[in-house]
């Protein structure tokens, strides 16, 4: 520490003045613009995202115009492209050796 206790107290007092002033200003701004903040919060809840232009509109006018819904895509027209599937070979039963598996008919 390169300064005295008295200097430390003066620094602390100045810092407290700055912080208290900034807090007071922030609180005043929030109170003055509470309706706009509520509109922004509601728009975010309803639409999940807002772009800068939408936020600016709310701040400027105090109103929010919801964005136009995206146009529905037309279903594809004409025949759909079909890719033939390769023929899958049927599995052959494994050779399990004599005496195992299905019984063979008896011979005389």
PDB file of N, CA and C in Angstrom:
ATOM      1  N   UNK A   1       0.865  -1.172   0.000  1.00  0.00           N
ATOM      2  CA  UNK A   1       0.000   0.000   0.000  1.00  0.00           C
ATOM      3  C   UNK A   1       0.904   1.225   0.000  1.00  0.00           C
ATOM      4  N   UNK A   2       0.697   2.108  -1.016  1.00  0.00           N
ATOM      5  CA  UNK A   2       1.564   3.267  -1.191  1.00  0.00           C
ATOM      6  C   UNK A   2       0.924   4.575  -0.717  1.00  0.00           C
ATOM      7  N   UNK A   3      -0.132   4.484   0.084  1.00  0.00           N
ATOM      8  CA  UNK A   3      -0.785   5.712   0.562  1.00  0.00           C
ATOM      9  C   UNK A   3      -1.297   5.489   1.985  1.00  0.00           C
ATOM     10  N   UNK A   4      -1.607   6.615   2.631  1.00  0.00           N
ATOM     11  CA  UNK A   4      -1.982   6.569   4.052  1.00  0.00           C
ATOM     12  C   UNK A   4      -3.428   6.099   4.227  1.00  0.00           C
ATOM     13  N   UNK A   5      -3.782   5.822   5.481  1.00  0.00           N
ATOM     14  CA  UNK A   5      -5.155   5.442   5.829  1.00  0.00           C
ATOM     15  C   UNK A   5      -6.130   6.554   5.467  1.00  0.00           C
ATOM     16  N   UNK A   6      -5.709   7.811   5.676  1.00  0.00           N
ATOM     17  CA  UNK A   6      -6.574   8.952   5.354  1.00  0.00           C
ATOM     18  C   UNK A   6      -6.855   9.010   3.843  1.00  0.00           C
ATOM     19  N   UNK A   7      -5.816   8.798   3.052  1.00  0.00           N
ATOM     20  CA  UNK A   7      -5.995   8.787   1.597  1.00  0.00           C
ATOM     21  C   UNK A   7      -6.905   7.627   1.189  1.00  0.00           C
ATOM     22  N   UNK A   8      -6.760   6.469   1.809  1.00  0.00           N
ATOM     23  CA  UNK A   8      -7.608   5.308   1.518  1.00  0.00           C
ATOM     24  C   UNK A   8      -9.064   5.637   1.813  1.00  0.00           C
ATOM     25  N   UNK A   9      -9.326   6.334   2.936  1.00  0.00           N
ATOM     26  CA  UNK A   9     -10.707   6.730   3.278  1.00  0.00           C
ATOM     27  C   UNK A   9     -11.273   7.684   2.232  1.00  0.00           C
ATOM     28  N   UNK A  10     -10.453   8.622   1.762  1.00  0.00           N
ATOM     29  CA  UNK A  10     -10.908   9.571   0.741  1.00  0.00           C
ATOM     30  C   UNK A  10     -11.228   8.852  -0.574  1.00  0.00           C
ATOM     31  N   UNK A  11     -10.385   7.900  -0.944  1.00  0.00           N
ATOM     32  CA  UNK A  11     -10.628   7.116  -2.159  1.00  0.00           C
ATOM     33  C   UNK A  11     -11.934   6.333  -2.018  1.00  0.00           C
ATOM     34  N   UNK A  12     -12.098   5.669  -0.874  1.00  0.00           N
ATOM     35  CA  UNK A  12     -13.320   4.900  -0.634  1.00  0.00           C
ATOM     36  C   UNK A  12     -14.566   5.787  -0.690  1.00  0.00           C
ATOM     37  N   UNK A  13     -14.470   7.000  -0.144  1.00  0.00           N
ATOM     38  CA  UNK A  13     -15.607   7.923  -0.150  1.00  0.00           C
ATOM     39  C   UNK A  13     -15.945   8.335  -1.588  1.00  0.00           C
ATOM     40  N   UNK A  14     -14.936   8.618  -2.394  1.00  0.00           N
ATOM     41  CA  UNK A  14     -15.181   8.999  -3.801  1.00  0.00           C
ATOM     42  C   UNK A  14     -15.785   7.845  -4.588  1.00  0.00           C
ATOM     43  N   UNK A  15     -15.266   6.639  -4.366  1.00  0.00           N
ATOM     44  CA  UNK A  15     -15.807   5.463  -5.058  1.00  0.00           C
ATOM     45  C   UNK A  15     -17.263   5.254  -4.665  1.00  0.00           C
ATOM     46  N   UNK A  16     -17.580   5.430  -3.388  1.00  0.00           N
ATOM     47  CA  UNK A  16     -18.958   5.282  -2.920  1.00  0.00           C
ATOM     48  C   UNK A  16     -19.864   6.309  -3.589  1.00  0.00           C
ATOM     49  N   UNK A  17     -19.382   7.537  -3.727  1.00  0.00           N
ATOM     50  CA  UNK A  17     -20.176   8.578  -4.399  1.00  0.00           C
ATOM     51  C   UNK A  17     -20.457   8.170  -5.848  1.00  0.00           C
ATOM     52  N   UNK A  18     -19.443   7.681  -6.545  1.00  0.00           N
ATOM     53  CA  UNK A  18     -19.619   7.255  -7.944  1.00  0.00           C
ATOM     54  C   UNK A  18     -20.614   6.103  -8.060  1.00  0.00           C
ATOM     55  N   UNK A  19     -20.478   5.117  -7.201  1.00  0.00           N
ATOM     56  CA  UNK A  19     -21.364   3.949  -7.251  1.00  0.00           C
ATOM     57  C   UNK A  19     -22.798   4.347  -6.903  1.00  0.00           C
ATOM     58  N   UNK A  20     -22.964   5.148  -5.843  1.00  0.00           N
ATOM     59  CA  UNK A  20     -24.312   5.580  -5.453  1.00  0.00           C
ATOM     60  C   UNK A  20     -24.966   6.404  -6.556  1.00  0.00           C
ATOM     61  N   UNK A  21     -24.188   7.252  -7.217  1.00  0.00           N
ATOM     62  CA  UNK A  21     -24.712   8.068  -8.303  1.00  0.00           C
ATOM     63  C   UNK A  21     -25.151   7.198  -9.485  1.00  0.00           C
ATOM     64  N   UNK A  22     -24.317   6.228  -9.859  1.00  0.00           N
ATOM     65  CA  UNK A  22     -24.647   5.332 -10.971  1.00  0.00           C
ATOM     66  C   UNK A  22     -25.876   4.490 -10.634  1.00  0.00           C
ATOM     67  N   UNK A  23     -25.973   4.017  -9.404  1.00  0.00           N
ATOM     68  CA  UNK A  23     -27.127   3.236  -8.973  1.00  0.00           C
ATOM     69  C   UNK A  23     -28.403   4.064  -9.061  1.00  0.00           C
ATOM     70  N   UNK A  24     -28.327   5.280  -8.563  1.00  0.00           N
ATOM     71  CA  UNK A  24     -29.487   6.165  -8.587  1.00  0.00           C
ATOM     72  C   UNK A  24     -29.931   6.451 -10.016  1.00  0.00           C
ATOM     73  N   UNK A  25     -28.969   6.701 -10.901  1.00  0.00           N
ATOM     74  CA  UNK A  25     -29.284   6.975 -12.318  1.00  0.00           C
ATOM     75  C   UNK A  25     -29.920   5.753 -12.974  1.00  0.00           C
ATOM     76  N   UNK A  26     -29.364   4.572 -12.733  1.00  0.00           N
ATOM     77  CA  UNK A  26     -29.909   3.346 -13.313  1.00  0.00           C
ATOM     78  C   UNK A  26     -31.338   3.096 -12.817  1.00  0.00           C
ATOM     79  N   UNK A  27     -31.554   3.293 -11.528  1.00  0.00           N
ATOM     80  CA  UNK A  27     -32.887   3.090 -10.952  1.00  0.00           C
ATOM     81  C   UNK A  27     -33.896   4.059 -11.574  1.00  0.00           C
ATOM     82  N   UNK A  28     -33.500   5.314 -11.745  1.00  0.00           N
ATOM     83  CA  UNK A  28     -34.375   6.319 -12.352  1.00  0.00           C
ATOM     84  C   UNK A  28     -34.719   5.944 -13.793  1.00  0.00           C
ATOM     85  N   UNK A  29     -33.717   5.518 -14.556  1.00  0.00           N
ATOM     86  CA  UNK A  29     -33.956   5.128 -15.950  1.00  0.00           C
ATOM     87  C   UNK A  29     -34.904   3.933 -16.039  1.00  0.00           C
ATOM     88  N   UNK A  30     -34.724   2.973 -15.177  1.00  0.00           N
ATOM     89  CA  UNK A  30     -35.608   1.801 -15.182  1.00  0.00           C
ATOM     90  C   UNK A  30     -37.033   2.218 -14.835  1.00  0.00           C
ATOM     91  N   UNK A  31     -37.192   3.078 -13.847  1.00  0.00           N
ATOM     92  CA  UNK A  31     -38.528   3.535 -13.473  1.00  0.00           C
ATOM     93  C   UNK A  31     -39.175   4.358 -14.596  1.00  0.00           C
ATOM     94  N   UNK A  32     -38.390   5.217 -15.247  1.00  0.00           N
ATOM     95  CA  UNK A  32     -38.923   6.044 -16.330  1.00  0.00           C
ATOM     96  C   UNK A  32     -39.359   5.209 -17.533  1.00  0.00           C
ATOM     97  N   UNK A  33     -38.684   4.099 -17.767  1.00  0.00           N
ATOM     98  CA  UNK A  33     -38.948   3.289 -18.955  1.00  0.00           C
ATOM     99  C   UNK A  33     -39.534   1.920 -18.609  1.00  0.00           C
ATOM    100  N   UNK A  34     -40.204   1.833 -17.466  1.00  0.00           N
ATOM    101  CA  UNK A  34     -40.744   0.546 -17.009  1.00  0.00           C
ATOM    102  C   UNK A  34     -41.727  -0.047 -18.012  1.00  0.00           C
ATOM    103  N   UNK A  35     -42.587   0.770 -18.604  1.00  0.00           N
ATOM    104  CA  UNK A  35     -43.562   0.246 -19.564  1.00  0.00           C
ATOM    105  C   UNK A  35     -42.871  -0.334 -20.793  1.00  0.00           C
ATOM    106  N   UNK A  36     -41.829   0.339 -21.259  1.00  0.00           N
ATOM    107  CA  UNK A  36     -41.087  -0.158 -22.418  1.00  0.00           C
ATOM    108  C   UNK A  36     -40.358  -1.460 -22.068  1.00  0.00           C
ATOM    109  N   UNK A  37     -39.819  -1.527 -20.861  1.00  0.00           N
ATOM    110  CA  UNK A  37     -39.153  -2.761 -20.432  1.00  0.00           C
ATOM    111  C   UNK A  37     -40.153  -3.913 -20.362  1.00  0.00           C
ATOM    112  N   UNK A  38     -41.357  -3.629 -19.881  1.00  0.00           N
ATOM    113  CA  UNK A  38     -42.390  -4.671 -19.819  1.00  0.00           C
ATOM    114  C   UNK A  38     -42.789  -5.120 -21.226  1.00  0.00           C
ATOM    115  N   UNK A  39     -42.897  -4.170 -22.159  1.00  0.00           N
ATOM    116  CA  UNK A  39     -43.218  -4.532 -23.546  1.00  0.00           C
ATOM    117  C   UNK A  39     -42.129  -5.407 -24.159  1.00  0.00           C
ATOM    118  N   UNK A  40     -40.886  -5.055 -23.903  1.00  0.00           N
ATOM    119  CA  UNK A  40     -39.771  -5.865 -24.417  1.00  0.00           C
ATOM    120  C   UNK A  40     -39.825  -7.265 -23.814  1.00  0.00           C
ATOM    121  N   UNK A  41     -40.055  -7.349 -22.507  1.00  0.00           N
ATOM    122  CA  UNK A  41     -40.131  -8.657 -21.837  1.00  0.00           C
ATOM    123  C   UNK A  41     -41.284  -9.479 -22.409  1.00  0.00           C
ATOM    124  N   UNK A  42     -42.448  -8.870 -22.603  1.00  0.00           N
ATOM    125  CA  UNK A  42     -43.609  -9.592 -23.147  1.00  0.00           C
ATOM    126  C   UNK A  42     -43.334 -10.043 -24.578  1.00  0.00           C
ATOM    127  N   UNK A  43     -42.741  -9.157 -25.393  1.00  0.00           N
ATOM    128  CA  UNK A  43     -42.423  -9.523 -26.774  1.00  0.00           C
ATOM    129  C   UNK A  43     -41.438 -10.691 -26.806  1.00  0.00           C
ATOM    130  N   UNK A  44     -40.477 -10.693 -25.892  1.00  0.00           N
ATOM    131  CA  UNK A  44     -39.525 -11.801 -25.833  1.00  0.00           C
ATOM    132  C   UNK A  44     -40.207 -13.102 -25.409  1.00  0.00           C
ATOM    133  N   UNK A  45     -41.129 -13.014 -24.463  1.00  0.00           N
ATOM    134  CA  UNK A  45     -41.856 -14.215 -24.049  1.00  0.00           C
ATOM    135  C   UNK A  45     -42.709 -14.763 -25.196  1.00  0.00           C
ATOM    136  N   UNK A  46     -43.327 -13.866 -25.963  1.00  0.00           N
ATOM    137  CA  UNK A  46     -44.213 -14.291 -27.053  1.00  0.00           C
ATOM    138  C   UNK A  46     -43.444 -14.766 -28.282  1.00  0.00           C
ATOM    139  N   UNK A  47     -42.308 -14.131 -28.606  1.00  0.00           N
ATOM    140  CA  UNK A  47     -41.613 -14.394 -29.864  1.00  0.00           C
ATOM    141  C   UNK A  47     -40.212 -14.976 -29.685  1.00  0.00           C
ATOM    142  N   UNK A  48     -39.727 -15.071 -28.472  1.00  0.00           N
ATOM    143  CA  UNK A  48     -38.434 -15.651 -28.107  1.00  0.00           C
ATOM    144  C   UNK A  48     -37.219 -14.834 -28.536  1.00  0.00           C
ATOM    145  N   UNK A  49     -37.280 -14.170 -29.670  1.00  0.00           N
ATOM    146  CA  UNK A  49     -36.147 -13.341 -30.095  1.00  0.00           C
ATOM    147  C   UNK A  49     -36.663 -12.025 -30.662  1.00  0.00           C
ATOM    148  N   UNK A  50     -35.876 -10.996 -30.513  1.00  0.00           N
ATOM    149  CA  UNK A  50     -36.162  -9.692 -31.111  1.00  0.00           C
ATOM    150  C   UNK A  50     -34.885  -9.221 -31.781  1.00  0.00           C
ATOM    151  N   UNK A  51     -35.030  -8.550 -32.902  1.00  0.00           N
ATOM    152  CA  UNK A  51     -33.835  -7.970 -33.502  1.00  0.00           C
ATOM    153  C   UNK A  51     -33.716  -6.516 -33.050  1.00  0.00           C
ATOM    154  N   UNK A  52     -32.622  -5.884 -33.385  1.00  0.00           N
ATOM    155  CA  UNK A  52     -32.361  -4.515 -32.946  1.00  0.00           C
ATOM    156  C   UNK A  52     -33.428  -3.541 -33.395  1.00  0.00           C
ATOM    157  N   UNK A  53     -33.945  -3.750 -34.597  1.00  0.00           N
ATOM    158  CA  UNK A  53     -34.974  -2.861 -35.132  1.00  0.00           C
ATOM    159  C   UNK A  53     -36.264  -2.956 -34.311  1.00  0.00           C
ATOM    160  N   UNK A  54     -36.608  -4.156 -33.881  1.00  0.00           N
ATOM    161  CA  UNK A  54     -37.820  -4.347 -33.070  1.00  0.00           C
ATOM    162  C   UNK A  54     -37.662  -3.705 -31.696  1.00  0.00           C
ATOM    163  N   UNK A  55     -36.492  -3.854 -31.081  1.00  0.00           N
ATOM    164  CA  UNK A  55     -36.252  -3.222 -29.781  1.00  0.00           C
ATOM    165  C   UNK A  55     -36.295  -1.704 -29.938  1.00  0.00           C
ATOM    166  N   UNK A  56     -35.672  -1.186 -30.999  1.00  0.00           N
ATOM    167  CA  UNK A  56     -35.673   0.262 -31.247  1.00  0.00           C
ATOM    168  C   UNK A  56     -37.099   0.769 -31.437  1.00  0.00           C
ATOM    169  N   UNK A  57     -37.940   0.007 -32.116  1.00  0.00           N
ATOM    170  CA  UNK A  57     -39.340   0.404 -32.307  1.00  0.00           C
ATOM    171  C   UNK A  57     -40.050   0.534 -30.957  1.00  0.00           C
ATOM    172  N   UNK A  58     -39.817  -0.430 -30.071  1.00  0.00           N
ATOM    173  CA  UNK A  58     -40.447  -0.383 -28.751  1.00  0.00           C
ATOM    174  C   UNK A  58     -39.952   0.834 -27.976  1.00  0.00           C
ATOM    175  N   UNK A  59     -38.660   1.100 -28.019  1.00  0.00           N
ATOM    176  CA  UNK A  59     -38.094   2.235 -27.291  1.00  0.00           C
ATOM    177  C   UNK A  59     -38.614   3.554 -27.863  1.00  0.00           C
ATOM    178  N   UNK A  60     -38.663   3.648 -29.200  1.00  0.00           N
ATOM    179  CA  UNK A  60     -39.131   4.890 -29.851  1.00  0.00           C
ATOM    180  C   UNK A  60     -40.616   5.142 -29.647  1.00  0.00           C
ATOM    181  N   UNK A  61     -41.425   4.102 -29.898  1.00  0.00           N
ATOM    182  CA  UNK A  61     -42.876   4.305 -29.962  1.00  0.00           C
ATOM    183  C   UNK A  61     -43.638   3.772 -28.762  1.00  0.00           C
ATOM    184  N   UNK A  62     -43.017   2.880 -28.006  1.00  0.00           N
ATOM    185  CA  UNK A  62     -43.740   2.247 -26.907  1.00  0.00           C
ATOM    186  C   UNK A  62     -44.700   1.180 -27.400  1.00  0.00           C
ATOM    187  N   UNK A  63     -44.552   0.784 -28.671  1.00  0.00           N
ATOM    188  CA  UNK A  63     -45.415  -0.248 -29.257  1.00  0.00           C
ATOM    189  C   UNK A  63     -44.551  -1.288 -29.949  1.00  0.00           C
ATOM    190  N   UNK A  64     -45.133  -2.479 -30.094  1.00  0.00           N
ATOM    191  CA  UNK A  64     -44.424  -3.563 -30.774  1.00  0.00           C
ATOM    192  C   UNK A  64     -45.311  -4.107 -31.878  1.00  0.00           C
ATOM    193  N   UNK A  65     -44.788  -4.118 -33.073  1.00  0.00           N
ATOM    194  CA  UNK A  65     -45.498  -4.702 -34.201  1.00  0.00           C
ATOM    195  C   UNK A  65     -44.916  -6.092 -34.422  1.00  0.00           C
ATOM    196  N   UNK A  66     -45.725  -7.131 -34.207  1.00  0.00           N
ATOM    197  CA  UNK A  66     -45.196  -8.485 -34.396  1.00  0.00           C
ATOM    198  C   UNK A  66     -44.745  -8.696 -35.842  1.00  0.00           C
ATOM    199  N   UNK A  67     -43.709  -9.495 -36.034  1.00  0.00           N
ATOM    200  CA  UNK A  67     -43.239  -9.748 -37.397  1.00  0.00           C
ATOM    201  C   UNK A  67     -44.266 -10.562 -38.175  1.00  0.00           C
ATOM    202  N   UNK A  68     -44.237 -10.397 -39.490  1.00  0.00           N
ATOM    203  CA  UNK A  68     -45.111 -11.186 -40.358  1.00  0.00           C
ATOM    204  C   UNK A  68     -44.689 -12.646 -40.253  1.00  0.00           C
ATOM    205  N   UNK A  69     -45.661 -13.555 -40.200  1.00  0.00           N
ATOM    206  CA  UNK A  69     -45.261 -14.974 -40.193  1.00  0.00           C
ATOM    207  C   UNK A  69     -44.646 -15.333 -41.534  1.00  0.00           C
ATOM    208  N   UNK A  70     -43.689 -16.242 -41.533  1.00  0.00           N
ATOM    209  CA  UNK A  70     -43.061 -16.611 -42.801  1.00  0.00           C
ATOM    210  C   UNK A  70     -44.096 -17.268 -43.716  1.00  0.00           C
ATOM    211  N   UNK A  71     -43.966 -17.062 -45.024  1.00  0.00           N
ATOM    212  CA  UNK A  71     -44.936 -17.670 -45.936  1.00  0.00           C
ATOM    213  C   UNK A  71     -44.824 -19.187 -45.890  1.00  0.00           C
ATOM    214  N   UNK A  72     -45.981 -19.831 -46.037  1.00  0.00           N
ATOM    215  CA  UNK A  72     -45.979 -21.291 -46.059  1.00  0.00           C
ATOM    216  C   UNK A  72     -45.383 -21.747 -47.385  1.00  0.00           C
ATOM    217  N   UNK A  73     -44.608 -22.777 -47.310  1.00  0.00           N
ATOM    218  CA  UNK A  73     -43.995 -23.299 -48.522  1.00  0.00           C
ATOM    219  C   UNK A  73     -45.025 -24.114 -49.289  1.00  0.00           C
ATOM    220  N   UNK A  74     -45.049 -23.949 -50.604  1.00  0.00           N
ATOM    221  CA  UNK A  74     -45.926 -24.758 -51.434  1.00  0.00           C
ATOM    222  C   UNK A  74     -45.403 -26.179 -51.440  1.00  0.00           C
ATOM    223  N   UNK A  75     -46.325 -27.152 -51.448  1.00  0.00           N
ATOM    224  CA  UNK A  75     -45.845 -28.536 -51.531  1.00  0.00           C
ATOM    225  C   UNK A  75     -45.174 -28.759 -52.878  1.00  0.00           C
ATOM    226  N   UNK A  76     -44.243 -29.676 -52.950  1.00  0.00           N
ATOM    227  CA  UNK A  76     -43.570 -29.922 -54.223  1.00  0.00           C
ATOM    228  C   UNK A  76     -44.571 -30.397 -55.267  1.00  0.00           C
ATOM    229  N   UNK A  77     -44.324 -30.019 -56.504  1.00  0.00           N
ATOM    230  CA  UNK A  77     -45.224 -30.399 -57.600  1.00  0.00           C
ATOM    231  C   UNK A  77     -44.551 -31.445 -58.464  1.00  0.00           C
ATOM    232  N   UNK A  78     -45.394 -32.238 -59.144  1.00  0.00           N
ATOM    233  CA  UNK A  78     -44.857 -33.245 -60.048  1.00  0.00           C
ATOM    234  C   UNK A  78     -44.504 -34.514 -59.300  1.00  0.00           C
ATOM    235  N   UNK A  79     -43.945 -35.425 -60.037  1.00  0.00           N
ATOM    236  CA  UNK A  79     -43.582 -36.717 -59.451  1.00  0.00           C
ATOM    237  C   UNK A  79     -42.373 -36.549 -58.555  1.00  0.00           C
ATOM    238  N   UNK A  80     -42.394 -37.274 -57.494  1.00  0.00           N
ATOM    239  CA  UNK A  80     -41.254 -37.233 -56.594  1.00  0.00           C
ATOM    240  C   UNK A  80     -40.149 -38.124 -57.146  1.00  0.00           C
ATOM    241  N   UNK A  81     -38.950 -37.716 -56.941  1.00  0.00           N
ATOM    242  CA  UNK A  81     -37.821 -38.525 -57.376  1.00  0.00           C
ATOM    243  C   UNK A  81     -37.746 -39.756 -56.500  1.00  0.00           C
ATOM    244  N   UNK A  82     -37.586 -40.889 -57.135  1.00  0.00           N
ATOM    245  CA  UNK A  82     -37.510 -42.141 -56.384  1.00  0.00           C
ATOM    246  C   UNK A  82     -36.172 -42.781 -56.696  1.00  0.00           C
ATOM    247  N   UNK A  83     -35.439 -43.047 -55.684  1.00  0.00           N
ATOM    248  CA  UNK A  83     -34.174 -43.754 -55.845  1.00  0.00           C
ATOM    249  C   UNK A  83     -34.438 -45.219 -55.530  1.00  0.00           C
ATOM    250  N   UNK A  84     -34.189 -46.121 -56.496  1.00  0.00           N
ATOM    251  CA  UNK A  84     -34.457 -47.535 -56.203  1.00  0.00           C
ATOM    252  C   UNK A  84     -33.542 -48.018 -55.089  1.00  0.00           C
ATOM    253  N   UNK A  85     -34.126 -48.792 -54.220  1.00  0.00           N
ATOM    254  CA  UNK A  85     -33.351 -49.366 -53.131  1.00  0.00           C
ATOM    255  C   UNK A  85     -32.684 -50.637 -53.611  1.00  0.00           C
ATOM    256  N   UNK A  86     -31.451 -50.883 -53.217  1.00  0.00           N
ATOM    257  CA  UNK A  86     -30.796 -52.123 -53.634  1.00  0.00           C
ATOM    258  C   UNK A  86     -31.506 -53.313 -53.007  1.00  0.00           C
ATOM    259  N   UNK A  87     -31.548 -54.421 -53.755  1.00  0.00           N
ATOM    260  CA  UNK A  87     -32.194 -55.611 -53.239  1.00  0.00           C
ATOM    261  C   UNK A  87     -31.312 -56.210 -52.156  1.00  0.00           C
ATOM    262  N   UNK A  88     -31.920 -56.456 -51.027  1.00  0.00           N
ATOM    263  CA  UNK A  88     -31.175 -57.010 -49.899  1.00  0.00           C
ATOM    264  C   UNK A  88     -31.303 -58.521 -49.957  1.00  0.00           C
ATOM    265  N   UNK A  89     -30.177 -59.259 -50.013  1.00  0.00           N
ATOM    266  CA  UNK A  89     -30.282 -60.719 -50.062  1.00  0.00           C
ATOM    267  C   UNK A  89     -30.843 -61.261 -48.754  1.00  0.00           C
ATOM    268  N   UNK A  90     -31.640 -62.339 -48.919  1.00  0.00           N
ATOM    269  CA  UNK A  90     -32.216 -62.961 -47.725  1.00  0.00           C
ATOM    270  C   UNK A  90     -31.118 -63.733 -47.009  1.00  0.00           C
ATOM    271  N   UNK A  91     -31.111 -63.651 -45.704  1.00  0.00           N
ATOM    272  CA  UNK A  91     -30.054 -64.372 -44.984  1.00  0.00           C
ATOM    273  C   UNK A  91     -30.275 -65.877 -45.089  1.00  0.00           C
ATOM    274  N   UNK A  92     -29.178 -66.608 -45.243  1.00  0.00           N
ATOM    275  CA  UNK A  92     -29.256 -68.063 -45.280  1.00  0.00           C
ATOM    276  C   UNK A  92     -29.001 -68.579 -43.882  1.00  0.00           C
ATOM    277  N   UNK A  93     -29.749 -69.621 -43.494  1.00  0.00           N
ATOM    278  CA  UNK A  93     -29.527 -70.143 -42.142  1.00  0.00           C
ATOM    279  C   UNK A  93     -28.127 -70.721 -42.037  1.00  0.00           C
ATOM    280  N   UNK A  94     -27.516 -70.545 -40.901  1.00  0.00           N
ATOM    281  CA  UNK A  94     -26.149 -71.058 -40.739  1.00  0.00           C
ATOM    282  C   UNK A  94     -26.146 -72.588 -40.740  1.00  0.00           C
ATOM    283  N   UNK A  95     -25.069 -73.166 -41.244  1.00  0.00           N
ATOM    284  CA  UNK A  95     -24.908 -74.623 -41.217  1.00  0.00           C
ATOM    285  C   UNK A  95     -24.513 -74.994 -39.797  1.00  0.00           C
ATOM    286  N   UNK A  96     -25.371 -75.758 -39.157  1.00  0.00           N
ATOM    287  CA  UNK A  96     -25.105 -76.062 -37.755  1.00  0.00           C
ATOM    288  C   UNK A  96     -24.578 -77.478 -37.541  1.00  0.00           C
ATOM    289  N   UNK A  97     -24.333 -78.202 -38.614  1.00  0.00           N
ATOM    290  CA  UNK A  97     -23.706 -79.522 -38.502  1.00  0.00           C
ATOM    291  C   UNK A  97     -24.708 -80.643 -38.315  1.00  0.00           C
ATOM    292  N   UNK A  98     -24.245 -81.900 -38.425  1.00  0.00           N
ATOM    293  CA  UNK A  98     -25.141 -83.059 -38.283  1.00  0.00           C
ATOM    294  C   UNK A  98     -25.605 -83.229 -36.849  1.00  0.00           C
ATOM    295  N   UNK A  99     -26.810 -83.727 -36.709  1.00  0.00           N
ATOM    296  CA  UNK A  99     -27.354 -84.018 -35.390  1.00  0.00           C
ATOM    297  C   UNK A  99     -27.942 -82.819 -34.698  1.00  0.00           C
ATOM    298  N   UNK A 100     -27.835 -81.675 -35.290  1.00  0.00           N
ATOM    299  CA  UNK A 100     -28.395 -80.475 -34.680  1.00  0.00           C
ATOM    300  C   UNK A 100     -29.433 -79.886 -35.619  1.00  0.00           C
ATOM    301  N   UNK A 101     -30.295 -79.146 -35.113  1.00  0.00           N
ATOM    302  CA  UNK A 101     -31.283 -78.502 -35.959  1.00  0.00           C
ATOM    303  C   UNK A 101     -32.511 -79.378 -36.116  1.00  0.00           C
ATOM    304  N   UNK A 102     -33.190 -79.304 -37.295  1.00  0.00           N
ATOM    305  CA  UNK A 102     -34.430 -80.053 -37.539  1.00  0.00           C
ATOM    306  C   UNK A 102     -34.097 -81.526 -37.775  1.00  0.00           C
ATOM    307  N   UNK A 103     -34.966 -82.406 -37.292  1.00  0.00           N
ATOM    308  CA  UNK A 103     -34.709 -83.834 -37.551  1.00  0.00           C
ATOM    309  C   UNK A 103     -34.967 -84.158 -39.023  1.00  0.00           C
ATOM    310  N   UNK A 104     -34.170 -85.053 -39.599  1.00  0.00           N
ATOM    311  CA  UNK A 104     -34.364 -85.508 -40.978  1.00  0.00           C
ATOM    312  C   UNK A 104     -35.316 -86.707 -40.951  1.00  0.00           C
ATOM    313  N   UNK A 105     -35.998 -86.923 -42.074  1.00  0.00           N
ATOM    314  CA  UNK A 105     -36.876 -88.106 -42.095  1.00  0.00           C
ATOM    315  C   UNK A 105     -36.048 -89.391 -41.992  1.00  0.00           C
ATOM    316  N   UNK A 106     -36.608 -90.369 -41.329  1.00  0.00           N
ATOM    317  CA  UNK A 106     -35.900 -91.652 -41.155  1.00  0.00           C
ATOM    318  C   UNK A 106     -35.951 -92.438 -42.447  1.00  0.00           C
ATOM    319  N   UNK A 107     -34.881 -93.126 -42.772  1.00  0.00           N
ATOM    320  CA  UNK A 107     -34.836 -93.953 -43.984  1.00  0.00           C
ATOM    321  C   UNK A 107     -34.769 -95.416 -43.582  1.00  0.00           C
ATOM    322  N   UNK A 108     -35.332 -96.331 -44.379  1.00  0.00           N
ATOM    323  CA  UNK A 108     -35.364 -97.750 -44.025  1.00  0.00           C
ATOM    324  C   UNK A 108     -34.249 -98.528 -44.591  1.00  0.00           C
TER     325      UNK A 108
END
